[in-house]
């Protein structure tokens, strides 16, 4: 078995390649930037480069490469269209031409856009694969369009395609100034495991779970996020008094947080539901809020060893006054 991993120099791409290397699974790593896990440097917008990637024989494609949300304020709309849509189309066409067994597309929960921020007085949003996508920016628009391309190629060309809509896993500080000002970075990330974050090890393993299931599934979309403790009955109160619910579910949280000088979010606006992925992909994410509290009890780092090994990549070659990427208060 040979696997093509695009974006092999990025956070998730490298994490996947590290696992493949440890398992001694043959892979080709492609990225615009060279790294220890990238075997081919070039752009997926270049059809000749893409065709070369398949020349040695590829069984499965894990298409992780993308322009991300932090690029929205530094890149033109056409850049997103070229990379996220045209680049994906080039890979899909090559996959069909070379009789690839399966194509896994890494998308994002950001495609849900306006559905993620309910108005005051409304309950928190319960986000499943059936939630309507209403993108808020060019990143979401192009990722959503690429998902549709995958479905089209599955339908018309019988190419098994799976879309994984991952929640946030980046190790950098939050890109919203309001969050940086109010919360310690690890405090913010710990809170997010309740509803909108996944450890990169769990995200990478989800991609490998798909390979075992993709032929039988054909086409499907799956939310990849840490398992949330919340139920639909909690949604109304989550958007008004999340602290009360979390303290009820995890009585030890208050003392553990106080010892770190941390604080819980007063309100939570959405819950990503991963039940379908766990059931249909046999995916068993390890890192959730209960795990984090156990780590706090033991005074150990709650991040996976893979997350620590992969480290921070940033999203730009330049640096900014606020950090590795521009800070906004756009709640996407």
C-alpha atoms as a PDB file:
ATOM      1  CA  UNK A   1       0.000   0.000   0.000  1.00  0.00           C
ATOM      2  CA  UNK A   2       1.274   3.461  -0.930  1.00  0.00           C
ATOM      3  CA  UNK A   3      -0.322   6.691   0.271  1.00  0.00           C
ATOM      4  CA  UNK A   4      -0.026  10.230  -1.079  1.00  0.00           C
ATOM      5  CA  UNK A   5      -0.159  12.888   1.640  1.00  0.00           C
ATOM      6  CA  UNK A   6      -0.494  16.476   0.453  1.00  0.00           C
ATOM      7  CA  UNK A   7       0.491  19.246   2.858  1.00  0.00           C
ATOM      8  CA  UNK A   8       3.151  16.985   4.368  1.00  0.00           C
ATOM      9  CA  UNK A   9       5.111  19.923   5.809  1.00  0.00           C
ATOM     10  CA  UNK A  10       2.108  21.309   7.694  1.00  0.00           C
ATOM     11  CA  UNK A  11       0.707  20.425  11.105  1.00  0.00           C
ATOM     12  CA  UNK A  12      -1.672  17.623  10.206  1.00  0.00           C
ATOM     13  CA  UNK A  13       0.207  16.421   7.137  1.00  0.00           C
ATOM     14  CA  UNK A  14       3.389  15.918   9.128  1.00  0.00           C
ATOM     15  CA  UNK A  15       1.488  14.213  11.932  1.00  0.00           C
ATOM     16  CA  UNK A  16       0.002  11.735   9.445  1.00  0.00           C
ATOM     17  CA  UNK A  17       3.397  11.119   7.858  1.00  0.00           C
ATOM     18  CA  UNK A  18       4.962  10.498  11.263  1.00  0.00           C
ATOM     19  CA  UNK A  19       2.389   7.782  11.955  1.00  0.00           C
ATOM     20  CA  UNK A  20       2.853   6.231   8.504  1.00  0.00           C
ATOM     21  CA  UNK A  21       6.609   6.216   8.972  1.00  0.00           C
ATOM     22  CA  UNK A  22       6.293   4.585  12.404  1.00  0.00           C
ATOM     23  CA  UNK A  23       4.003   1.927  10.911  1.00  0.00           C
ATOM     24  CA  UNK A  24       6.431   1.456   7.987  1.00  0.00           C
ATOM     25  CA  UNK A  25       3.728   2.328   5.457  1.00  0.00           C
ATOM     26  CA  UNK A  26       5.071   3.656   2.164  1.00  0.00           C
ATOM     27  CA  UNK A  27       4.027   7.226   1.419  1.00  0.00           C
ATOM     28  CA  UNK A  28       4.709  10.182  -0.845  1.00  0.00           C
ATOM     29  CA  UNK A  29       4.683  13.570   0.859  1.00  0.00           C
ATOM     30  CA  UNK A  30       3.942  16.671  -1.233  1.00  0.00           C
ATOM     31  CA  UNK A  31       4.113  20.301  -0.149  1.00  0.00           C
ATOM     32  CA  UNK A  32       5.106  23.772  -1.316  1.00  0.00           C
ATOM     33  CA  UNK A  33       7.742  23.759   1.427  1.00  0.00           C
ATOM     34  CA  UNK A  34      10.388  21.137   2.017  1.00  0.00           C
ATOM     35  CA  UNK A  35      10.633  19.170   5.273  1.00  0.00           C
ATOM     36  CA  UNK A  36      11.878  15.867   6.646  1.00  0.00           C
ATOM     37  CA  UNK A  37       8.497  14.352   5.739  1.00  0.00           C
ATOM     38  CA  UNK A  38       8.132  15.870   2.260  1.00  0.00           C
ATOM     39  CA  UNK A  39       9.472  13.892  -0.678  1.00  0.00           C
ATOM     40  CA  UNK A  40       8.176  16.164  -3.478  1.00  0.00           C
ATOM     41  CA  UNK A  41       8.206  19.972  -3.359  1.00  0.00           C
ATOM     42  CA  UNK A  42       5.725  21.724  -5.624  1.00  0.00           C
ATOM     43  CA  UNK A  43       2.206  23.076  -6.001  1.00  0.00           C
ATOM     44  CA  UNK A  44      -0.968  21.045  -6.381  1.00  0.00           C
ATOM     45  CA  UNK A  45      -2.183  23.814  -8.708  1.00  0.00           C
ATOM     46  CA  UNK A  46       0.447  22.580 -11.197  1.00  0.00           C
ATOM     47  CA  UNK A  47      -1.080  19.645 -13.090  1.00  0.00           C
ATOM     48  CA  UNK A  48       2.292  18.369 -14.295  1.00  0.00           C
ATOM     49  CA  UNK A  49       3.557  18.272 -10.714  1.00  0.00           C
ATOM     50  CA  UNK A  50       0.412  16.457  -9.570  1.00  0.00           C
ATOM     51  CA  UNK A  51       0.736  13.843 -12.313  1.00  0.00           C
ATOM     52  CA  UNK A  52       4.328  13.162 -11.257  1.00  0.00           C
ATOM     53  CA  UNK A  53       3.106  12.422  -7.744  1.00  0.00           C
ATOM     54  CA  UNK A  54       1.044   9.526  -9.097  1.00  0.00           C
ATOM     55  CA  UNK A  55       3.650   8.176 -11.507  1.00  0.00           C
ATOM     56  CA  UNK A  56       5.062   5.670  -9.021  1.00  0.00           C
ATOM     57  CA  UNK A  57       1.654   4.249  -8.177  1.00  0.00           C
ATOM     58  CA  UNK A  58      -0.649   5.529  -5.431  1.00  0.00           C
ATOM     59  CA  UNK A  59      -3.344   3.512  -3.656  1.00  0.00           C
ATOM     60  CA  UNK A  60      -4.882   6.217  -1.454  1.00  0.00           C
ATOM     61  CA  UNK A  61      -4.788  10.003  -1.353  1.00  0.00           C
ATOM     62  CA  UNK A  62      -4.938  11.940   1.923  1.00  0.00           C
ATOM     63  CA  UNK A  63      -5.453  15.492   0.685  1.00  0.00           C
ATOM     64  CA  UNK A  64      -4.542  17.766   3.586  1.00  0.00           C
ATOM     65  CA  UNK A  65      -2.925  20.710   1.760  1.00  0.00           C
ATOM     66  CA  UNK A  66      -4.923  23.936   1.870  1.00  0.00           C
ATOM     67  CA  UNK A  67      -4.927  27.656   2.397  1.00  0.00           C
ATOM     68  CA  UNK A  68      -6.276  28.160   5.919  1.00  0.00           C
ATOM     69  CA  UNK A  69      -8.407  30.726   7.682  1.00  0.00           C
ATOM     70  CA  UNK A  70      -5.355  32.728   8.917  1.00  0.00           C
ATOM     71  CA  UNK A  71      -4.541  33.326   5.234  1.00  0.00           C
ATOM     72  CA  UNK A  72      -7.832  35.161   4.652  1.00  0.00           C
ATOM     73  CA  UNK A  73      -6.379  38.544   5.605  1.00  0.00           C
ATOM     74  CA  UNK A  74      -3.101  38.037   3.705  1.00  0.00           C
ATOM     75  CA  UNK A  75      -4.137  36.257   0.492  1.00  0.00           C
ATOM     76  CA  UNK A  76      -6.426  37.127  -2.401  1.00  0.00           C
ATOM     77  CA  UNK A  77      -9.657  35.274  -3.157  1.00  0.00           C
ATOM     78  CA  UNK A  78      -8.044  33.887  -6.324  1.00  0.00           C
ATOM     79  CA  UNK A  79      -5.290  32.289  -4.205  1.00  0.00           C
ATOM     80  CA  UNK A  80      -7.924  30.350  -2.269  1.00  0.00           C
ATOM     81  CA  UNK A  81      -9.709  29.319  -5.467  1.00  0.00           C
ATOM     82  CA  UNK A  82      -6.469  28.129  -7.100  1.00  0.00           C
ATOM     83  CA  UNK A  83      -5.261  26.129  -4.099  1.00  0.00           C
ATOM     84  CA  UNK A  84      -8.424  24.859  -2.429  1.00  0.00           C
ATOM     85  CA  UNK A  85     -10.577  24.268  -5.512  1.00  0.00           C
ATOM     86  CA  UNK A  86      -8.324  23.913  -8.564  1.00  0.00           C
ATOM     87  CA  UNK A  87      -5.677  22.033  -6.578  1.00  0.00           C
ATOM     88  CA  UNK A  88      -8.306  19.593  -5.299  1.00  0.00           C
ATOM     89  CA  UNK A  89      -9.703  19.141  -8.815  1.00  0.00           C
ATOM     90  CA  UNK A  90      -6.227  18.360 -10.163  1.00  0.00           C
ATOM     91  CA  UNK A  91      -5.771  15.671  -7.516  1.00  0.00           C
ATOM     92  CA  UNK A  92      -9.224  14.173  -8.093  1.00  0.00           C
ATOM     93  CA  UNK A  93      -8.657  13.968 -11.845  1.00  0.00           C
ATOM     94  CA  UNK A  94      -5.260  12.333 -11.341  1.00  0.00           C
ATOM     95  CA  UNK A  95      -6.743   9.911  -8.813  1.00  0.00           C
ATOM     96  CA  UNK A  96      -9.331   8.771 -11.355  1.00  0.00           C
ATOM     97  CA  UNK A  97      -6.755   8.529 -14.158  1.00  0.00           C
ATOM     98  CA  UNK A  98      -4.476   6.377 -11.998  1.00  0.00           C
ATOM     99  CA  UNK A  99      -7.208   4.118 -10.567  1.00  0.00           C
ATOM    100  CA  UNK A 100      -6.697   5.201  -6.973  1.00  0.00           C
ATOM    101  CA  UNK A 101      -8.652   3.122  -4.453  1.00  0.00           C
ATOM    102  CA  UNK A 102      -9.773   6.018  -2.278  1.00  0.00           C
ATOM    103  CA  UNK A 103      -9.539   9.789  -1.767  1.00  0.00           C
ATOM    104  CA  UNK A 104      -9.724  11.404   1.677  1.00  0.00           C
ATOM    105  CA  UNK A 105     -10.308  15.150   1.750  1.00  0.00           C
ATOM    106  CA  UNK A 106      -9.480  17.147   4.875  1.00  0.00           C
ATOM    107  CA  UNK A 107     -12.093  19.854   5.214  1.00  0.00           C
ATOM    108  CA  UNK A 108     -13.112  21.991   8.174  1.00  0.00           C
ATOM    109  CA  UNK A 109     -15.976  22.723  10.522  1.00  0.00           C
ATOM    110  CA  UNK A 110     -15.496  26.370   9.497  1.00  0.00           C
ATOM    111  CA  UNK A 111     -17.679  25.658   6.456  1.00  0.00           C
ATOM    112  CA  UNK A 112     -20.708  25.810   8.765  1.00  0.00           C
ATOM    113  CA  UNK A 113     -19.985  29.520   9.175  1.00  0.00           C
ATOM    114  CA  UNK A 114     -23.038  31.495  10.277  1.00  0.00           C
ATOM    115  CA  UNK A 115     -24.644  28.372  11.734  1.00  0.00           C
ATOM    116  CA  UNK A 116     -21.965  28.383  14.463  1.00  0.00           C
ATOM    117  CA  UNK A 117     -22.985  31.662  16.110  1.00  0.00           C
ATOM    118  CA  UNK A 118     -26.598  31.644  17.321  1.00  0.00           C
ATOM    119  CA  UNK A 119     -28.190  34.948  18.217  1.00  0.00           C
ATOM    120  CA  UNK A 120     -28.695  36.065  21.816  1.00  0.00           C
ATOM    121  CA  UNK A 121     -31.578  34.176  23.371  1.00  0.00           C
ATOM    122  CA  UNK A 122     -31.152  31.189  21.058  1.00  0.00           C
ATOM    123  CA  UNK A 123     -29.677  27.877  22.243  1.00  0.00           C
ATOM    124  CA  UNK A 124     -26.153  26.776  21.338  1.00  0.00           C
ATOM    125  CA  UNK A 125     -25.922  25.146  17.911  1.00  0.00           C
ATOM    126  CA  UNK A 126     -25.860  21.337  17.690  1.00  0.00           C
ATOM    127  CA  UNK A 127     -23.532  20.746  14.735  1.00  0.00           C
ATOM    128  CA  UNK A 128     -23.753  17.455  12.857  1.00  0.00           C
ATOM    129  CA  UNK A 129     -22.960  16.431   9.312  1.00  0.00           C
ATOM    130  CA  UNK A 130     -26.545  17.370   8.400  1.00  0.00           C
ATOM    131  CA  UNK A 131     -26.141  20.989   9.505  1.00  0.00           C
ATOM    132  CA  UNK A 132     -26.454  23.419   6.594  1.00  0.00           C
ATOM    133  CA  UNK A 133     -23.156  25.068   5.626  1.00  0.00           C
ATOM    134  CA  UNK A 134     -23.293  28.869   5.393  1.00  0.00           C
ATOM    135  CA  UNK A 135     -19.635  29.925   4.949  1.00  0.00           C
ATOM    136  CA  UNK A 136     -18.566  33.302   6.328  1.00  0.00           C
ATOM    137  CA  UNK A 137     -15.363  33.812   4.331  1.00  0.00           C
ATOM    138  CA  UNK A 138     -13.499  32.694   1.215  1.00  0.00           C
ATOM    139  CA  UNK A 139     -11.817  29.907   3.180  1.00  0.00           C
ATOM    140  CA  UNK A 140     -15.157  28.332   4.041  1.00  0.00           C
ATOM    141  CA  UNK A 141     -16.535  28.906   0.546  1.00  0.00           C
ATOM    142  CA  UNK A 142     -13.631  27.138  -1.169  1.00  0.00           C
ATOM    143  CA  UNK A 143     -13.491  24.253   1.296  1.00  0.00           C
ATOM    144  CA  UNK A 144     -17.216  23.721   0.837  1.00  0.00           C
ATOM    145  CA  UNK A 145     -16.814  23.780  -2.950  1.00  0.00           C
ATOM    146  CA  UNK A 146     -14.024  21.212  -2.752  1.00  0.00           C
ATOM    147  CA  UNK A 147     -16.296  18.946  -0.697  1.00  0.00           C
ATOM    148  CA  UNK A 148     -18.830  19.151  -3.528  1.00  0.00           C
ATOM    149  CA  UNK A 149     -16.121  18.225  -6.035  1.00  0.00           C
ATOM    150  CA  UNK A 150     -15.351  15.114  -4.003  1.00  0.00           C
ATOM    151  CA  UNK A 151     -19.015  14.143  -4.004  1.00  0.00           C
ATOM    152  CA  UNK A 152     -19.214  14.740  -7.760  1.00  0.00           C
ATOM    153  CA  UNK A 153     -16.210  12.512  -8.455  1.00  0.00           C
ATOM    154  CA  UNK A 154     -17.601   9.824  -6.201  1.00  0.00           C
ATOM    155  CA  UNK A 155     -20.934   9.950  -8.012  1.00  0.00           C
ATOM    156  CA  UNK A 156     -19.771  10.328 -11.609  1.00  0.00           C
ATOM    157  CA  UNK A 157     -16.415   8.544 -11.574  1.00  0.00           C
ATOM    158  CA  UNK A 158     -17.039   5.941  -8.846  1.00  0.00           C
ATOM    159  CA  UNK A 159     -14.041   7.223  -6.883  1.00  0.00           C
ATOM    160  CA  UNK A 160     -14.535   6.430  -3.181  1.00  0.00           C
ATOM    161  CA  UNK A 161     -14.267   9.799  -1.405  1.00  0.00           C
ATOM    162  CA  UNK A 162     -14.524  10.656   2.273  1.00  0.00           C
ATOM    163  CA  UNK A 163     -14.638  14.215   3.625  1.00  0.00           C
ATOM    164  CA  UNK A 164     -13.313  14.763   7.142  1.00  0.00           C
ATOM    165  CA  UNK A 165     -14.517  18.053   8.624  1.00  0.00           C
ATOM    166  CA  UNK A 166     -11.901  18.643  11.307  1.00  0.00           C
ATOM    167  CA  UNK A 167     -12.267  21.076  14.168  1.00  0.00           C
ATOM    168  CA  UNK A 168      -9.314  23.184  15.283  1.00  0.00           C
ATOM    169  CA  UNK A 169      -6.052  21.424  16.142  1.00  0.00           C
ATOM    170  CA  UNK A 170      -3.436  24.138  15.529  1.00  0.00           C
ATOM    171  CA  UNK A 171      -0.955  24.681  18.396  1.00  0.00           C
ATOM    172  CA  UNK A 172      -0.567  28.441  17.864  1.00  0.00           C
ATOM    173  CA  UNK A 173      -2.381  30.932  20.054  1.00  0.00           C
ATOM    174  CA  UNK A 174      -5.954  31.816  19.182  1.00  0.00           C
ATOM    175  CA  UNK A 175      -6.374  34.201  16.264  1.00  0.00           C
ATOM    176  CA  UNK A 176      -8.922  36.301  18.172  1.00  0.00           C
ATOM    177  CA  UNK A 177      -7.523  39.130  20.272  1.00  0.00           C
ATOM    178  CA  UNK A 178     -10.383  38.945  22.769  1.00  0.00           C
ATOM    179  CA  UNK A 179      -9.547  35.322  23.564  1.00  0.00           C
ATOM    180  CA  UNK A 180      -5.811  36.015  23.903  1.00  0.00           C
ATOM    181  CA  UNK A 181      -6.526  38.888  26.258  1.00  0.00           C
ATOM    182  CA  UNK A 182      -8.820  36.879  28.554  1.00  0.00           C
ATOM    183  CA  UNK A 183      -7.337  33.376  28.673  1.00  0.00           C
ATOM    184  CA  UNK A 184      -3.985  31.678  29.058  1.00  0.00           C
ATOM    185  CA  UNK A 185      -3.298  29.763  25.845  1.00  0.00           C
ATOM    186  CA  UNK A 186      -3.514  26.255  27.339  1.00  0.00           C
ATOM    187  CA  UNK A 187      -6.575  27.320  29.327  1.00  0.00           C
ATOM    188  CA  UNK A 188      -8.269  28.375  26.096  1.00  0.00           C
ATOM    189  CA  UNK A 189      -7.384  25.122  24.361  1.00  0.00           C
ATOM    190  CA  UNK A 190      -8.540  23.030  27.326  1.00  0.00           C
ATOM    191  CA  UNK A 191     -11.928  24.757  27.241  1.00  0.00           C
ATOM    192  CA  UNK A 192     -12.245  24.062  23.522  1.00  0.00           C
ATOM    193  CA  UNK A 193     -12.054  20.294  24.059  1.00  0.00           C
ATOM    194  CA  UNK A 194     -15.578  20.584  25.416  1.00  0.00           C
ATOM    195  CA  UNK A 195     -16.996  21.569  22.050  1.00  0.00           C
ATOM    196  CA  UNK A 196     -14.642  22.581  19.186  1.00  0.00           C
ATOM    197  CA  UNK A 197     -11.091  21.120  19.332  1.00  0.00           C
ATOM    198  CA  UNK A 198      -9.388  17.844  18.483  1.00  0.00           C
ATOM    199  CA  UNK A 199      -5.878  16.675  19.330  1.00  0.00           C
ATOM    200  CA  UNK A 200      -3.777  16.268  16.212  1.00  0.00           C
ATOM    201  CA  UNK A 201      -3.084  12.612  17.056  1.00  0.00           C
ATOM    202  CA  UNK A 202      -6.802  11.842  17.029  1.00  0.00           C
ATOM    203  CA  UNK A 203      -7.242  13.834  13.812  1.00  0.00           C
ATOM    204  CA  UNK A 204      -4.399  11.983  12.091  1.00  0.00           C
ATOM    205  CA  UNK A 205      -5.675   8.591  13.213  1.00  0.00           C
ATOM    206  CA  UNK A 206      -9.128   9.420  11.824  1.00  0.00           C
ATOM    207  CA  UNK A 207      -7.568   9.647   8.357  1.00  0.00           C
ATOM    208  CA  UNK A 208      -6.060   6.186   8.717  1.00  0.00           C
ATOM    209  CA  UNK A 209      -9.361   4.759   9.981  1.00  0.00           C
ATOM    210  CA  UNK A 210     -10.992   5.974   6.772  1.00  0.00           C
ATOM    211  CA  UNK A 211      -8.652   3.891   4.584  1.00  0.00           C
ATOM    212  CA  UNK A 212     -10.087   0.714   6.102  1.00  0.00           C
ATOM    213  CA  UNK A 213     -13.685   1.812   5.510  1.00  0.00           C
ATOM    214  CA  UNK A 214     -13.675   3.928   2.364  1.00  0.00           C
ATOM    215  CA  UNK A 215     -14.405   1.171  -0.166  1.00  0.00           C
ATOM    216  CA  UNK A 216     -17.568   0.122   1.669  1.00  0.00           C
ATOM    217  CA  UNK A 217     -18.758   3.687   2.352  1.00  0.00           C
ATOM    218  CA  UNK A 218     -18.188   5.172  -1.111  1.00  0.00           C
ATOM    219  CA  UNK A 219     -18.918   8.758  -0.119  1.00  0.00           C
ATOM    220  CA  UNK A 220     -19.487  10.350   3.268  1.00  0.00           C
ATOM    221  CA  UNK A 221     -18.822  13.376   5.423  1.00  0.00           C
ATOM    222  CA  UNK A 222     -17.675  13.126   9.038  1.00  0.00           C
ATOM    223  CA  UNK A 223     -17.046  15.634  11.808  1.00  0.00           C
ATOM    224  CA  UNK A 224     -13.683  15.022  13.476  1.00  0.00           C
ATOM    225  CA  UNK A 225     -13.645  16.670  16.887  1.00  0.00           C
ATOM    226  CA  UNK A 226     -13.062  15.606  20.474  1.00  0.00           C
ATOM    227  CA  UNK A 227     -16.020  13.797  22.010  1.00  0.00           C
ATOM    228  CA  UNK A 228     -18.176  16.404  23.740  1.00  0.00           C
ATOM    229  CA  UNK A 229     -19.864  15.604  27.071  1.00  0.00           C
ATOM    230  CA  UNK A 230     -22.850  17.766  26.189  1.00  0.00           C
ATOM    231  CA  UNK A 231     -26.283  16.580  25.122  1.00  0.00           C
ATOM    232  CA  UNK A 232     -28.988  18.426  23.245  1.00  0.00           C
ATOM    233  CA  UNK A 233     -30.808  19.086  26.518  1.00  0.00           C
ATOM    234  CA  UNK A 234     -27.865  21.293  27.551  1.00  0.00           C
ATOM    235  CA  UNK A 235     -27.972  23.618  24.539  1.00  0.00           C
ATOM    236  CA  UNK A 236     -30.171  26.403  25.914  1.00  0.00           C
ATOM    237  CA  UNK A 237     -28.202  26.758  29.151  1.00  0.00           C
ATOM    238  CA  UNK A 238     -24.835  26.398  27.393  1.00  0.00           C
ATOM    239  CA  UNK A 239     -25.461  29.672  25.624  1.00  0.00           C
ATOM    240  CA  UNK A 240     -26.297  31.480  28.867  1.00  0.00           C
ATOM    241  CA  UNK A 241     -24.434  29.698  31.699  1.00  0.00           C
ATOM    242  CA  UNK A 242     -21.962  27.103  30.468  1.00  0.00           C
ATOM    243  CA  UNK A 243     -20.037  27.157  33.748  1.00  0.00           C
ATOM    244  CA  UNK A 244     -22.963  25.674  35.681  1.00  0.00           C
ATOM    245  CA  UNK A 245     -23.270  22.751  33.263  1.00  0.00           C
ATOM    246  CA  UNK A 246     -19.548  22.004  33.208  1.00  0.00           C
ATOM    247  CA  UNK A 247     -19.331  22.113  37.007  1.00  0.00           C
ATOM    248  CA  UNK A 248     -22.274  19.711  37.229  1.00  0.00           C
ATOM    249  CA  UNK A 249     -20.687  17.275  34.784  1.00  0.00           C
ATOM    250  CA  UNK A 250     -17.176  17.669  36.218  1.00  0.00           C
ATOM    251  CA  UNK A 251     -17.358  18.694  39.902  1.00  0.00           C
ATOM    252  CA  UNK A 252     -13.551  18.572  40.182  1.00  0.00           C
ATOM    253  CA  UNK A 253     -13.083  21.145  37.414  1.00  0.00           C
ATOM    254  CA  UNK A 254     -13.535  24.205  39.625  1.00  0.00           C
ATOM    255  CA  UNK A 255     -10.733  23.275  42.033  1.00  0.00           C
ATOM    256  CA  UNK A 256      -8.377  22.069  39.293  1.00  0.00           C
ATOM    257  CA  UNK A 257      -8.879  25.236  37.292  1.00  0.00           C
ATOM    258  CA  UNK A 258      -8.456  27.451  40.331  1.00  0.00           C
ATOM    259  CA  UNK A 259      -5.108  25.812  41.090  1.00  0.00           C
ATOM    260  CA  UNK A 260      -3.907  26.790  37.596  1.00  0.00           C
ATOM    261  CA  UNK A 261      -5.452  30.248  37.687  1.00  0.00           C
ATOM    262  CA  UNK A 262      -7.682  29.173  34.778  1.00  0.00           C
ATOM    263  CA  UNK A 263     -11.301  30.006  34.089  1.00  0.00           C
ATOM    264  CA  UNK A 264     -14.153  28.362  32.206  1.00  0.00           C
ATOM    265  CA  UNK A 265     -16.053  29.956  29.352  1.00  0.00           C
ATOM    266  CA  UNK A 266     -19.238  31.688  30.549  1.00  0.00           C
ATOM    267  CA  UNK A 267     -21.024  30.762  27.304  1.00  0.00           C
ATOM    268  CA  UNK A 268     -20.558  28.118  24.619  1.00  0.00           C
ATOM    269  CA  UNK A 269     -22.126  28.779  21.227  1.00  0.00           C
ATOM    270  CA  UNK A 270     -21.838  25.431  19.445  1.00  0.00           C
ATOM    271  CA  UNK A 271     -21.190  21.726  19.983  1.00  0.00           C
ATOM    272  CA  UNK A 272     -19.491  19.595  17.337  1.00  0.00           C
ATOM    273  CA  UNK A 273     -20.959  16.083  17.358  1.00  0.00           C
ATOM    274  CA  UNK A 274     -18.569  13.277  16.365  1.00  0.00           C
ATOM    275  CA  UNK A 275     -20.933  10.340  16.928  1.00  0.00           C
ATOM    276  CA  UNK A 276     -21.192   9.401  13.242  1.00  0.00           C
ATOM    277  CA  UNK A 277     -17.412   9.231  12.811  1.00  0.00           C
ATOM    278  CA  UNK A 278     -16.989   7.090  15.909  1.00  0.00           C
ATOM    279  CA  UNK A 279     -19.734   4.723  14.803  1.00  0.00           C
ATOM    280  CA  UNK A 280     -19.056   4.363  11.079  1.00  0.00           C
ATOM    281  CA  UNK A 281     -15.271   4.749  10.964  1.00  0.00           C
ATOM    282  CA  UNK A 282     -14.452   2.815  14.157  1.00  0.00           C
ATOM    283  CA  UNK A 283     -12.614   5.947  15.262  1.00  0.00           C
ATOM    284  CA  UNK A 284     -11.838   6.116  18.966  1.00  0.00           C
ATOM    285  CA  UNK A 285     -10.565   9.591  19.891  1.00  0.00           C
ATOM    286  CA  UNK A 286      -8.555   9.550  23.107  1.00  0.00           C
ATOM    287  CA  UNK A 287      -8.244  13.216  23.999  1.00  0.00           C
ATOM    288  CA  UNK A 288     -11.301  14.874  25.539  1.00  0.00           C
ATOM    289  CA  UNK A 289     -12.084  17.170  28.456  1.00  0.00           C
ATOM    290  CA  UNK A 290     -12.144  14.312  30.987  1.00  0.00           C
ATOM    291  CA  UNK A 291      -8.648  13.313  29.861  1.00  0.00           C
ATOM    292  CA  UNK A 292      -7.477  16.897  30.301  1.00  0.00           C
ATOM    293  CA  UNK A 293      -8.765  17.036  33.867  1.00  0.00           C
ATOM    294  CA  UNK A 294      -6.936  13.794  34.644  1.00  0.00           C
ATOM    295  CA  UNK A 295      -3.744  15.389  33.322  1.00  0.00           C
ATOM    296  CA  UNK A 296      -4.314  18.444  35.506  1.00  0.00           C
ATOM    297  CA  UNK A 297      -4.660  16.158  38.541  1.00  0.00           C
ATOM    298  CA  UNK A 298      -1.287  14.594  37.686  1.00  0.00           C
ATOM    299  CA  UNK A 299       0.254  17.961  36.744  1.00  0.00           C
ATOM    300  CA  UNK A 300       1.252  16.707  33.293  1.00  0.00           C
ATOM    301  CA  UNK A 301       0.849  18.168  29.800  1.00  0.00           C
ATOM    302  CA  UNK A 302      -2.488  17.190  28.226  1.00  0.00           C
ATOM    303  CA  UNK A 303      -1.187  17.480  24.663  1.00  0.00           C
ATOM    304  CA  UNK A 304      -0.331  14.248  22.877  1.00  0.00           C
ATOM    305  CA  UNK A 305       3.293  13.330  22.226  1.00  0.00           C
ATOM    306  CA  UNK A 306       2.533  13.605  18.504  1.00  0.00           C
ATOM    307  CA  UNK A 307       1.273  17.162  18.978  1.00  0.00           C
ATOM    308  CA  UNK A 308       4.457  18.075  20.840  1.00  0.00           C
ATOM    309  CA  UNK A 309       6.676  16.398  18.227  1.00  0.00           C
ATOM    310  CA  UNK A 310       4.913  18.131  15.342  1.00  0.00           C
ATOM    311  CA  UNK A 311       5.053  21.496  17.075  1.00  0.00           C
ATOM    312  CA  UNK A 312       4.112  24.887  15.718  1.00  0.00           C
ATOM    313  CA  UNK A 313       4.378  25.560  11.982  1.00  0.00           C
ATOM    314  CA  UNK A 314       2.742  28.940  11.647  1.00  0.00           C
ATOM    315  CA  UNK A 315       0.863  29.815   8.482  1.00  0.00           C
ATOM    316  CA  UNK A 316       3.013  32.577   6.978  1.00  0.00           C
ATOM    317  CA  UNK A 317       6.667  33.088   6.141  1.00  0.00           C
ATOM    318  CA  UNK A 318       6.502  36.514   7.759  1.00  0.00           C
ATOM    319  CA  UNK A 319       5.726  37.341  11.392  1.00  0.00           C
ATOM    320  CA  UNK A 320       3.225  39.867  12.699  1.00  0.00           C
ATOM    321  CA  UNK A 321       3.086  42.197  15.665  1.00  0.00           C
ATOM    322  CA  UNK A 322       0.531  39.941  17.359  1.00  0.00           C
ATOM    323  CA  UNK A 323       2.351  36.669  16.692  1.00  0.00           C
ATOM    324  CA  UNK A 324       2.621  34.018  13.938  1.00  0.00           C
ATOM    325  CA  UNK A 325      -0.505  35.242  12.124  1.00  0.00           C
ATOM    326  CA  UNK A 326      -2.753  38.287  12.124  1.00  0.00           C
ATOM    327  CA  UNK A 327      -5.111  38.541  15.076  1.00  0.00           C
ATOM    328  CA  UNK A 328      -8.775  39.327  14.468  1.00  0.00           C
ATOM    329  CA  UNK A 329     -12.003  39.173  16.422  1.00  0.00           C
ATOM    330  CA  UNK A 330     -13.879  37.333  13.693  1.00  0.00           C
ATOM    331  CA  UNK A 331     -15.639  34.495  15.524  1.00  0.00           C
ATOM    332  CA  UNK A 332     -15.605  31.729  12.927  1.00  0.00           C
END
